[in-house]
Amino acid sequence: MLPSLESVQNPKIKRVVALLEKPKERRNSRLFVVEGVRELSMALSAGYALQEFYYLPQIVPHPHLHINLPHDFPCQPVSPAVYKKVAYREGTEGVVAVLSPKEFSFADLLLPSKPLVLAMEGVEKPGNIGAMFRTAEAAQVDVILVCNPQCDLYNPNLIRASLGAIFARQVVVCSSEEAVVWLQQKQIHIYVASLQEAKPYHLQDYTQSCAIVVGAEAQGLSKVWREGTSTPVKIPMKGRIDSLNVSVSAGIILFEAIRQRGVSC
């Protein structure tokens, strides 16, 4: 067993804090931080490479019994003060890890015969993006396209909001133009959430290959999505508010799609 790290000034701990707080640090080092047993277990099951593992013995005395860690991986115990420094959640499970990201390209994607795709464009808030990953996992979406991102995928608040679902789906980060070209090449019909000249979402046919596209609430979708053969769809609303939270909109349309596809839960 390794000796416990007691100082918050330890270089390793300072780097973990930098990875939590600075997107540039995550980008340049190609590392990110995961906290929580469920989230880390999902990341490891999906093949993300573990680089460092820290735990609080008072909460997790035997980490290998809680998480399927690589055999003989060095688990670093830390003091309560150090753990408090690197833990970013209010409720804690006693484990924090540093991992290397996985990146999918379009060429890497494995598609069923009639794929269901979720595309999001320009969404800024990590909580909204994470919530859409949770919804996409619940709906068993085949591919998620994160277009023109305003937040890096490994933001700790995004991972927290997704409950680890970010690790469970095939995800490509790309421009909207690249996404449209790929969808058209794969003959995947595009349904865009829009208020202009749109048809009620529940009257459309989602049983074939299709992509549900949502945009940031303030700007909506860019022109590239509204051109060509895409179908604008809207969620009818009775109140005075004319738009829903983007993650709510995505969930409503996605679950209509899996209802039509006869997916049982």
C-alpha atoms as a PDB file:
ATOM      1  CA  MET A   1       0.000   0.000   0.000  1.00  0.00           C
ATOM      2  CA  LEU A   2       1.306   3.436  -0.956  1.00  0.00           C
ATOM      3  CA  PRO A   3       1.846   6.036   1.776  1.00  0.00           C
ATOM      4  CA  SER A   4      -0.988   8.556   2.027  1.00  0.00           C
ATOM      5  CA  LEU A   5      -0.654  11.956   0.357  1.00  0.00           C
ATOM      6  CA  GLU A   6      -1.199  14.507   3.121  1.00  0.00           C
ATOM      7  CA  SER A   7      -0.480  17.892   1.511  1.00  0.00           C
ATOM      8  CA  VAL A   8      -2.707  19.840  -0.849  1.00  0.00           C
ATOM      9  CA  GLN A   9       0.516  21.371  -2.216  1.00  0.00           C
ATOM     10  CA  ASN A  10       1.691  18.013  -3.567  1.00  0.00           C
ATOM     11  CA  PRO A  11       2.488  18.467  -7.303  1.00  0.00           C
ATOM     12  CA  LYS A  12       0.247  15.566  -8.282  1.00  0.00           C
ATOM     13  CA  ILE A  13      -2.701  17.044  -6.404  1.00  0.00           C
ATOM     14  CA  LYS A  14      -2.093  20.493  -7.848  1.00  0.00           C
ATOM     15  CA  ARG A  15      -2.209  18.963 -11.322  1.00  0.00           C
ATOM     16  CA  VAL A  16      -5.500  17.201 -10.593  1.00  0.00           C
ATOM     17  CA  VAL A  17      -6.942  20.547  -9.453  1.00  0.00           C
ATOM     18  CA  ALA A  18      -5.680  22.183 -12.662  1.00  0.00           C
ATOM     19  CA  LEU A  19      -7.343  19.450 -14.742  1.00  0.00           C
ATOM     20  CA  LEU A  20     -10.620  20.102 -12.932  1.00  0.00           C
ATOM     21  CA  GLU A  21     -10.537  23.850 -13.342  1.00  0.00           C
ATOM     22  CA  LYS A  22      -8.802  24.549 -16.663  1.00  0.00           C
ATOM     23  CA  PRO A  23     -10.023  23.341 -20.083  1.00  0.00           C
ATOM     24  CA  LYS A  24      -6.636  24.288 -21.550  1.00  0.00           C
ATOM     25  CA  GLU A  25      -4.903  21.944 -19.092  1.00  0.00           C
ATOM     26  CA  ARG A  26      -7.222  19.086 -20.091  1.00  0.00           C
ATOM     27  CA  ARG A  27      -6.686  19.813 -23.762  1.00  0.00           C
ATOM     28  CA  ASN A  28      -2.886  20.160 -23.629  1.00  0.00           C
ATOM     29  CA  SER A  29      -2.272  17.180 -21.347  1.00  0.00           C
ATOM     30  CA  ARG A  30      -4.937  14.998 -22.943  1.00  0.00           C
ATOM     31  CA  LEU A  31      -6.123  14.016 -19.476  1.00  0.00           C
ATOM     32  CA  PHE A  32      -9.309  14.518 -17.489  1.00  0.00           C
ATOM     33  CA  VAL A  33     -10.717  13.758 -14.049  1.00  0.00           C
ATOM     34  CA  VAL A  34     -13.562  11.453 -13.053  1.00  0.00           C
ATOM     35  CA  GLU A  35     -15.080  11.262  -9.580  1.00  0.00           C
ATOM     36  CA  GLY A  36     -17.461   8.582  -8.339  1.00  0.00           C
ATOM     37  CA  VAL A  37     -17.703   4.802  -8.413  1.00  0.00           C
ATOM     38  CA  ARG A  38     -20.429   4.588 -11.068  1.00  0.00           C
ATOM     39  CA  GLU A  39     -18.820   7.128 -13.392  1.00  0.00           C
ATOM     40  CA  LEU A  40     -15.368   5.571 -13.133  1.00  0.00           C
ATOM     41  CA  SER A  41     -16.724   2.050 -13.588  1.00  0.00           C
ATOM     42  CA  MET A  42     -18.527   3.120 -16.762  1.00  0.00           C
ATOM     43  CA  ALA A  43     -15.395   4.805 -18.115  1.00  0.00           C
ATOM     44  CA  LEU A  44     -13.230   1.747 -17.461  1.00  0.00           C
ATOM     45  CA  SER A  45     -15.831  -0.589 -18.991  1.00  0.00           C
ATOM     46  CA  ALA A  46     -15.821   1.602 -22.103  1.00  0.00           C
ATOM     47  CA  GLY A  47     -12.059   1.284 -22.456  1.00  0.00           C
ATOM     48  CA  TYR A  48     -10.861   4.641 -21.167  1.00  0.00           C
ATOM     49  CA  ALA A  49      -7.250   4.358 -19.998  1.00  0.00           C
ATOM     50  CA  LEU A  50      -6.677   4.893 -16.272  1.00  0.00           C
ATOM     51  CA  GLN A  51      -3.613   7.002 -15.457  1.00  0.00           C
ATOM     52  CA  GLU A  52      -3.942   7.838 -11.749  1.00  0.00           C
ATOM     53  CA  PHE A  53      -6.266   6.715  -8.959  1.00  0.00           C
ATOM     54  CA  TYR A  54      -6.815   8.492  -5.628  1.00  0.00           C
ATOM     55  CA  TYR A  55      -9.049   7.335  -2.810  1.00  0.00           C
ATOM     56  CA  LEU A  56     -10.078   8.258   0.716  1.00  0.00           C
ATOM     57  CA  PRO A  57      -9.591   5.162   2.933  1.00  0.00           C
ATOM     58  CA  GLN A  58     -12.212   6.363   5.426  1.00  0.00           C
ATOM     59  CA  ILE A  59     -14.845   5.922   2.676  1.00  0.00           C
ATOM     60  CA  VAL A  60     -13.321   3.280   0.394  1.00  0.00           C
ATOM     61  CA  PRO A  61     -10.879   1.140   2.394  1.00  0.00           C
ATOM     62  CA  HIS A  62     -10.485  -1.455  -0.379  1.00  0.00           C
ATOM     63  CA  PRO A  63     -10.965   0.214  -3.798  1.00  0.00           C
ATOM     64  CA  HIS A  64     -10.395  -2.969  -5.813  1.00  0.00           C
ATOM     65  CA  LEU A  65     -13.517  -4.416  -4.189  1.00  0.00           C
ATOM     66  CA  HIS A  66     -15.652  -1.473  -5.354  1.00  0.00           C
ATOM     67  CA  ILE A  67     -14.273  -0.869  -8.840  1.00  0.00           C
ATOM     68  CA  ASN A  68     -12.942  -3.211 -11.514  1.00  0.00           C
ATOM     69  CA  LEU A  69      -9.503  -1.595 -11.591  1.00  0.00           C
ATOM     70  CA  PRO A  70      -6.674  -2.995 -13.713  1.00  0.00           C
ATOM     71  CA  HIS A  71      -4.838  -5.700 -11.818  1.00  0.00           C
ATOM     72  CA  ASP A  72      -2.144  -4.343  -9.489  1.00  0.00           C
ATOM     73  CA  PHE A  73      -2.844  -0.749 -10.498  1.00  0.00           C
ATOM     74  CA  PRO A  74      -1.257   1.529  -7.846  1.00  0.00           C
ATOM     75  CA  CYS A  75      -4.046   3.066  -5.757  1.00  0.00           C
ATOM     76  CA  GLN A  76      -2.996   6.247  -4.006  1.00  0.00           C
ATOM     77  CA  PRO A  77      -4.592   6.946  -0.600  1.00  0.00           C
ATOM     78  CA  VAL A  78      -5.036  10.602   0.358  1.00  0.00           C
ATOM     79  CA  SER A  79      -5.904  12.528   3.509  1.00  0.00           C
ATOM     80  CA  PRO A  80      -9.387  14.035   4.033  1.00  0.00           C
ATOM     81  CA  ALA A  81      -7.972  17.512   3.350  1.00  0.00           C
ATOM     82  CA  VAL A  82      -6.448  16.403   0.054  1.00  0.00           C
ATOM     83  CA  TYR A  83      -9.590  14.545  -0.996  1.00  0.00           C
ATOM     84  CA  LYS A  84     -11.703  17.613  -0.268  1.00  0.00           C
ATOM     85  CA  LYS A  85      -9.404  19.586  -2.576  1.00  0.00           C
ATOM     86  CA  VAL A  86      -9.839  17.259  -5.551  1.00  0.00           C
ATOM     87  CA  ALA A  87     -13.482  16.210  -5.028  1.00  0.00           C
ATOM     88  CA  TYR A  88     -15.876  18.480  -6.919  1.00  0.00           C
ATOM     89  CA  ARG A  89     -19.213  16.999  -5.829  1.00  0.00           C
ATOM     90  CA  GLU A  90     -21.157  17.733  -2.673  1.00  0.00           C
ATOM     91  CA  GLY A  91     -21.989  14.065  -2.120  1.00  0.00           C
ATOM     92  CA  THR A  92     -18.814  12.005  -2.284  1.00  0.00           C
ATOM     93  CA  GLU A  93     -17.927   8.375  -2.901  1.00  0.00           C
ATOM     94  CA  GLY A  94     -14.254   8.537  -2.002  1.00  0.00           C
ATOM     95  CA  VAL A  95     -12.640   7.961  -5.414  1.00  0.00           C
ATOM     96  CA  VAL A  96     -11.092  10.341  -7.949  1.00  0.00           C
ATOM     97  CA  ALA A  97      -9.206   9.231 -11.048  1.00  0.00           C
ATOM     98  CA  VAL A  98      -7.265  10.718 -13.939  1.00  0.00           C
ATOM     99  CA  LEU A  99      -7.917   9.156 -17.348  1.00  0.00           C
ATOM    100  CA  SER A 100      -6.993   9.630 -20.980  1.00  0.00           C
ATOM    101  CA  PRO A 101      -9.823  10.599 -23.362  1.00  0.00           C
ATOM    102  CA  LYS A 102     -11.133   8.441 -26.190  1.00  0.00           C
ATOM    103  CA  GLU A 103     -11.983  10.110 -29.455  1.00  0.00           C
ATOM    104  CA  PHE A 104     -14.263   8.717 -32.162  1.00  0.00           C
ATOM    105  CA  SER A 105     -14.030   9.742 -35.794  1.00  0.00           C
ATOM    106  CA  PHE A 106     -16.800   9.137 -38.298  1.00  0.00           C
ATOM    107  CA  ALA A 107     -14.780   6.223 -39.647  1.00  0.00           C
ATOM    108  CA  ASP A 108     -14.822   4.548 -36.216  1.00  0.00           C
ATOM    109  CA  LEU A 109     -18.592   4.489 -35.837  1.00  0.00           C
ATOM    110  CA  LEU A 110     -20.489   1.209 -35.813  1.00  0.00           C
ATOM    111  CA  LEU A 111     -24.054   1.635 -37.067  1.00  0.00           C
ATOM    112  CA  PRO A 112     -27.070  -0.671 -37.015  1.00  0.00           C
ATOM    113  CA  SER A 113     -29.307  -0.913 -40.075  1.00  0.00           C
ATOM    114  CA  LYS A 114     -31.563   1.959 -38.947  1.00  0.00           C
ATOM    115  CA  PRO A 115     -29.501   4.167 -36.651  1.00  0.00           C
ATOM    116  CA  LEU A 116     -30.934   6.750 -34.288  1.00  0.00           C
ATOM    117  CA  VAL A 117     -28.652   9.775 -33.937  1.00  0.00           C
ATOM    118  CA  LEU A 118     -28.742  12.762 -31.610  1.00  0.00           C
ATOM    119  CA  ALA A 119     -26.950  15.918 -32.773  1.00  0.00           C
ATOM    120  CA  MET A 120     -26.531  19.024 -30.639  1.00  0.00           C
ATOM    121  CA  GLU A 121     -25.166  22.308 -31.947  1.00  0.00           C
ATOM    122  CA  GLY A 122     -23.507  25.071 -29.966  1.00  0.00           C
ATOM    123  CA  VAL A 123     -24.912  24.085 -26.570  1.00  0.00           C
ATOM    124  CA  GLU A 124     -22.974  25.944 -23.885  1.00  0.00           C
ATOM    125  CA  LYS A 125     -24.089  24.728 -20.467  1.00  0.00           C
ATOM    126  CA  PRO A 126     -22.364  21.548 -19.237  1.00  0.00           C
ATOM    127  CA  GLY A 127     -25.505  20.586 -17.312  1.00  0.00           C
ATOM    128  CA  ASN A 128     -27.633  20.613 -20.459  1.00  0.00           C
ATOM    129  CA  ILE A 129     -25.094  18.595 -22.423  1.00  0.00           C
ATOM    130  CA  GLY A 130     -24.744  16.084 -19.607  1.00  0.00           C
ATOM    131  CA  ALA A 131     -28.518  15.753 -19.310  1.00  0.00           C
ATOM    132  CA  MET A 132     -28.754  14.987 -23.027  1.00  0.00           C
ATOM    133  CA  PHE A 133     -26.118  12.273 -22.662  1.00  0.00           C
ATOM    134  CA  ARG A 134     -28.216  10.713 -19.889  1.00  0.00           C
ATOM    135  CA  THR A 135     -31.292  10.837 -22.117  1.00  0.00           C
ATOM    136  CA  ALA A 136     -29.362   9.420 -25.069  1.00  0.00           C
ATOM    137  CA  GLU A 137     -28.129   6.522 -22.945  1.00  0.00           C
ATOM    138  CA  ALA A 138     -31.653   5.835 -21.652  1.00  0.00           C
ATOM    139  CA  ALA A 139     -32.962   5.870 -25.236  1.00  0.00           C
ATOM    140  CA  GLN A 140     -29.979   3.806 -26.480  1.00  0.00           C
ATOM    141  CA  VAL A 141     -29.123   6.355 -29.149  1.00  0.00           C
ATOM    142  CA  ASP A 142     -26.542   4.896 -31.526  1.00  0.00           C
ATOM    143  CA  VAL A 143     -24.422   8.015 -32.093  1.00  0.00           C
ATOM    144  CA  ILE A 144     -24.168  11.462 -30.521  1.00  0.00           C
ATOM    145  CA  LEU A 145     -22.767  14.317 -32.603  1.00  0.00           C
ATOM    146  CA  VAL A 146     -21.500  17.291 -30.593  1.00  0.00           C
ATOM    147  CA  CYS A 147     -21.363  20.052 -33.178  1.00  0.00           C
ATOM    148  CA  ASN A 148     -19.586  23.404 -32.793  1.00  0.00           C
ATOM    149  CA  PRO A 149     -19.054  22.720 -29.072  1.00  0.00           C
ATOM    150  CA  GLN A 150     -18.932  25.602 -26.613  1.00  0.00           C
ATOM    151  CA  CYS A 151     -17.843  23.338 -23.727  1.00  0.00           C
ATOM    152  CA  ASP A 152     -15.228  20.589 -23.736  1.00  0.00           C
ATOM    153  CA  LEU A 153     -16.568  17.068 -23.324  1.00  0.00           C
ATOM    154  CA  TYR A 154     -14.518  16.341 -20.232  1.00  0.00           C
ATOM    155  CA  ASN A 155     -15.676  19.292 -18.187  1.00  0.00           C
ATOM    156  CA  PRO A 156     -16.237  17.794 -14.698  1.00  0.00           C
ATOM    157  CA  ASN A 157     -19.704  19.362 -14.447  1.00  0.00           C
ATOM    158  CA  LEU A 158     -20.680  17.751 -17.747  1.00  0.00           C
ATOM    159  CA  ILE A 159     -19.459  14.341 -16.571  1.00  0.00           C
ATOM    160  CA  ARG A 160     -21.324  14.783 -13.286  1.00  0.00           C
ATOM    161  CA  ALA A 161     -24.555  15.839 -15.037  1.00  0.00           C
ATOM    162  CA  SER A 162     -24.321  12.840 -17.371  1.00  0.00           C
ATOM    163  CA  LEU A 163     -23.898  10.406 -14.439  1.00  0.00           C
ATOM    164  CA  GLY A 164     -21.201   8.760 -16.548  1.00  0.00           C
ATOM    165  CA  ALA A 165     -23.439   8.311 -19.595  1.00  0.00           C
ATOM    166  CA  ILE A 166     -20.878  10.259 -21.640  1.00  0.00           C
ATOM    167  CA  PHE A 167     -18.757   7.096 -21.565  1.00  0.00           C
ATOM    168  CA  ALA A 168     -21.541   4.794 -22.731  1.00  0.00           C
ATOM    169  CA  ARG A 169     -22.271   6.130 -26.227  1.00  0.00           C
ATOM    170  CA  GLN A 170     -20.364   6.645 -29.484  1.00  0.00           C
ATOM    171  CA  VAL A 171     -19.582  10.369 -29.604  1.00  0.00           C
ATOM    172  CA  VAL A 172     -18.071  12.481 -32.380  1.00  0.00           C
ATOM    173  CA  VAL A 173     -17.093  16.112 -31.900  1.00  0.00           C
ATOM    174  CA  CYS A 174     -17.301  17.934 -35.216  1.00  0.00           C
ATOM    175  CA  SER A 175     -18.522  20.989 -37.076  1.00  0.00           C
ATOM    176  CA  SER A 176     -22.146  21.219 -38.154  1.00  0.00           C
ATOM    177  CA  GLU A 177     -21.043  21.126 -41.783  1.00  0.00           C
ATOM    178  CA  GLU A 178     -19.164  17.851 -41.206  1.00  0.00           C
ATOM    179  CA  ALA A 179     -22.174  16.376 -39.419  1.00  0.00           C
ATOM    180  CA  VAL A 180     -24.576  17.250 -42.231  1.00  0.00           C
ATOM    181  CA  VAL A 181     -22.277  15.759 -44.869  1.00  0.00           C
ATOM    182  CA  TRP A 182     -21.896  12.505 -42.888  1.00  0.00           C
ATOM    183  CA  LEU A 183     -25.635  12.188 -42.238  1.00  0.00           C
ATOM    184  CA  GLN A 184     -26.405  12.721 -45.901  1.00  0.00           C
ATOM    185  CA  GLN A 185     -23.753  10.206 -46.980  1.00  0.00           C
ATOM    186  CA  LYS A 186     -25.289   7.620 -44.650  1.00  0.00           C
ATOM    187  CA  GLN A 187     -28.806   8.485 -45.878  1.00  0.00           C
ATOM    188  CA  ILE A 188     -29.922   9.392 -42.366  1.00  0.00           C
ATOM    189  CA  HIS A 189     -32.918  11.706 -42.463  1.00  0.00           C
ATOM    190  CA  ILE A 190     -32.506  14.907 -40.449  1.00  0.00           C
ATOM    191  CA  TYR A 191     -35.215  16.244 -38.134  1.00  0.00           C
ATOM    192  CA  VAL A 192     -34.378  19.662 -36.724  1.00  0.00           C
ATOM    193  CA  ALA A 193     -36.094  21.136 -33.670  1.00  0.00           C
ATOM    194  CA  SER A 194     -37.344  24.514 -34.861  1.00  0.00           C
ATOM    195  CA  LEU A 195     -40.213  26.943 -34.426  1.00  0.00           C
ATOM    196  CA  GLN A 196     -40.187  28.211 -38.015  1.00  0.00           C
ATOM    197  CA  GLU A 197     -42.359  26.384 -40.570  1.00  0.00           C
ATOM    198  CA  ALA A 198     -42.205  23.280 -38.423  1.00  0.00           C
ATOM    199  CA  LYS A 199     -44.553  20.313 -38.166  1.00  0.00           C
ATOM    200  CA  PRO A 200     -45.617  18.698 -34.874  1.00  0.00           C
ATOM    201  CA  TYR A 201     -42.881  16.288 -33.824  1.00  0.00           C
ATOM    202  CA  HIS A 202     -45.262  13.410 -33.031  1.00  0.00           C
ATOM    203  CA  LEU A 203     -46.641  13.306 -36.581  1.00  0.00           C
ATOM    204  CA  GLN A 204     -43.294  12.352 -38.098  1.00  0.00           C
ATOM    205  CA  ASP A 205     -41.922   8.884 -38.900  1.00  0.00           C
ATOM    206  CA  TYR A 206     -38.802   8.039 -36.890  1.00  0.00           C
ATOM    207  CA  THR A 207     -38.803   4.310 -37.639  1.00  0.00           C
ATOM    208  CA  GLN A 208     -36.166   4.634 -40.368  1.00  0.00           C
ATOM    209  CA  SER A 209     -32.612   5.955 -40.082  1.00  0.00           C
ATOM    210  CA  CYS A 210     -32.915   9.402 -38.551  1.00  0.00           C
ATOM    211  CA  ALA A 211     -31.138  12.146 -36.630  1.00  0.00           C
ATOM    212  CA  ILE A 212     -32.746  14.447 -34.080  1.00  0.00           C
ATOM    213  CA  VAL A 213     -30.978  17.825 -34.087  1.00  0.00           C
ATOM    214  CA  VAL A 214     -31.269  20.418 -31.312  1.00  0.00           C
ATOM    215  CA  GLY A 215     -29.545  23.752 -30.828  1.00  0.00           C
ATOM    216  CA  ALA A 216     -28.734  26.248 -28.122  1.00  0.00           C
ATOM    217  CA  GLU A 217     -31.847  27.891 -26.699  1.00  0.00           C
ATOM    218  CA  ALA A 218     -30.693  31.452 -27.360  1.00  0.00           C
ATOM    219  CA  GLN A 219     -29.394  31.096 -30.937  1.00  0.00           C
ATOM    220  CA  GLY A 220     -31.258  28.070 -32.226  1.00  0.00           C
ATOM    221  CA  LEU A 221     -29.787  26.087 -35.096  1.00  0.00           C
ATOM    222  CA  SER A 222     -27.505  27.562 -37.733  1.00  0.00           C
ATOM    223  CA  LYS A 223     -28.465  27.889 -41.371  1.00  0.00           C
ATOM    224  CA  VAL A 224     -26.614  24.749 -42.432  1.00  0.00           C
ATOM    225  CA  TRP A 225     -29.206  22.600 -40.641  1.00  0.00           C
ATOM    226  CA  ARG A 226     -32.191  24.383 -42.155  1.00  0.00           C
ATOM    227  CA  GLU A 227     -31.091  23.907 -45.741  1.00  0.00           C
ATOM    228  CA  GLY A 228     -31.450  20.839 -47.918  1.00  0.00           C
ATOM    229  CA  THR A 229     -33.818  18.015 -47.088  1.00  0.00           C
ATOM    230  CA  SER A 230     -34.087  18.368 -43.313  1.00  0.00           C
ATOM    231  CA  THR A 231     -37.557  18.357 -41.729  1.00  0.00           C
ATOM    232  CA  PRO A 232     -38.298  21.051 -39.095  1.00  0.00           C
ATOM    233  CA  VAL A 233     -40.311  19.733 -36.141  1.00  0.00           C
ATOM    234  CA  LYS A 234     -41.790  21.455 -33.126  1.00  0.00           C
ATOM    235  CA  ILE A 235     -43.221  20.476 -29.764  1.00  0.00           C
ATOM    236  CA  PRO A 236     -46.713  22.002 -29.418  1.00  0.00           C
ATOM    237  CA  MET A 237     -47.032  24.153 -26.303  1.00  0.00           C
ATOM    238  CA  LYS A 238     -50.132  25.698 -24.727  1.00  0.00           C
ATOM    239  CA  GLY A 239     -48.584  28.248 -22.383  1.00  0.00           C
ATOM    240  CA  ARG A 240     -47.034  31.619 -23.004  1.00  0.00           C
ATOM    241  CA  ILE A 241     -43.508  30.193 -23.116  1.00  0.00           C
ATOM    242  CA  ASP A 242     -42.565  29.250 -26.682  1.00  0.00           C
ATOM    243  CA  SER A 243     -39.478  27.123 -26.011  1.00  0.00           C
ATOM    244  CA  LEU A 244     -38.311  24.352 -23.705  1.00  0.00           C
ATOM    245  CA  ASN A 245     -34.934  23.615 -22.193  1.00  0.00           C
ATOM    246  CA  VAL A 246     -32.825  21.996 -24.929  1.00  0.00           C
ATOM    247  CA  SER A 247     -32.315  18.767 -22.974  1.00  0.00           C
ATOM    248  CA  VAL A 248     -36.070  18.487 -22.345  1.00  0.00           C
ATOM    249  CA  SER A 249     -36.819  19.012 -26.039  1.00  0.00           C
ATOM    250  CA  ALA A 250     -34.287  16.368 -27.036  1.00  0.00           C
ATOM    251  CA  GLY A 251     -35.784  13.892 -24.567  1.00  0.00           C
ATOM    252  CA  ILE A 252     -39.355  14.389 -25.751  1.00  0.00           C
ATOM    253  CA  ILE A 253     -38.500  13.811 -29.405  1.00  0.00           C
ATOM    254  CA  LEU A 254     -36.084  10.928 -28.761  1.00  0.00           C
ATOM    255  CA  PHE A 255     -38.605   9.009 -26.699  1.00  0.00           C
ATOM    256  CA  GLU A 256     -41.243   9.492 -29.378  1.00  0.00           C
ATOM    257  CA  ALA A 257     -38.740   7.944 -31.765  1.00  0.00           C
ATOM    258  CA  ILE A 258     -38.150   4.872 -29.606  1.00  0.00           C
ATOM    259  CA  ARG A 259     -41.904   4.566 -28.963  1.00  0.00           C
ATOM    260  CA  GLN A 260     -42.475   4.366 -32.712  1.00  0.00           C
ATOM    261  CA  ARG A 261     -39.647   1.867 -33.035  1.00  0.00           C
ATOM    262  CA  GLY A 262     -41.408  -0.400 -30.558  1.00  0.00           C
ATOM    263  CA  VAL A 263     -38.603  -0.347 -28.019  1.00  0.00           C
ATOM    264  CA  SER A 264     -39.777  -1.767 -24.715  1.00  0.00           C
ATOM    265  CA  CYS A 265     -38.308  -0.530 -21.435  1.00  0.00           C
END
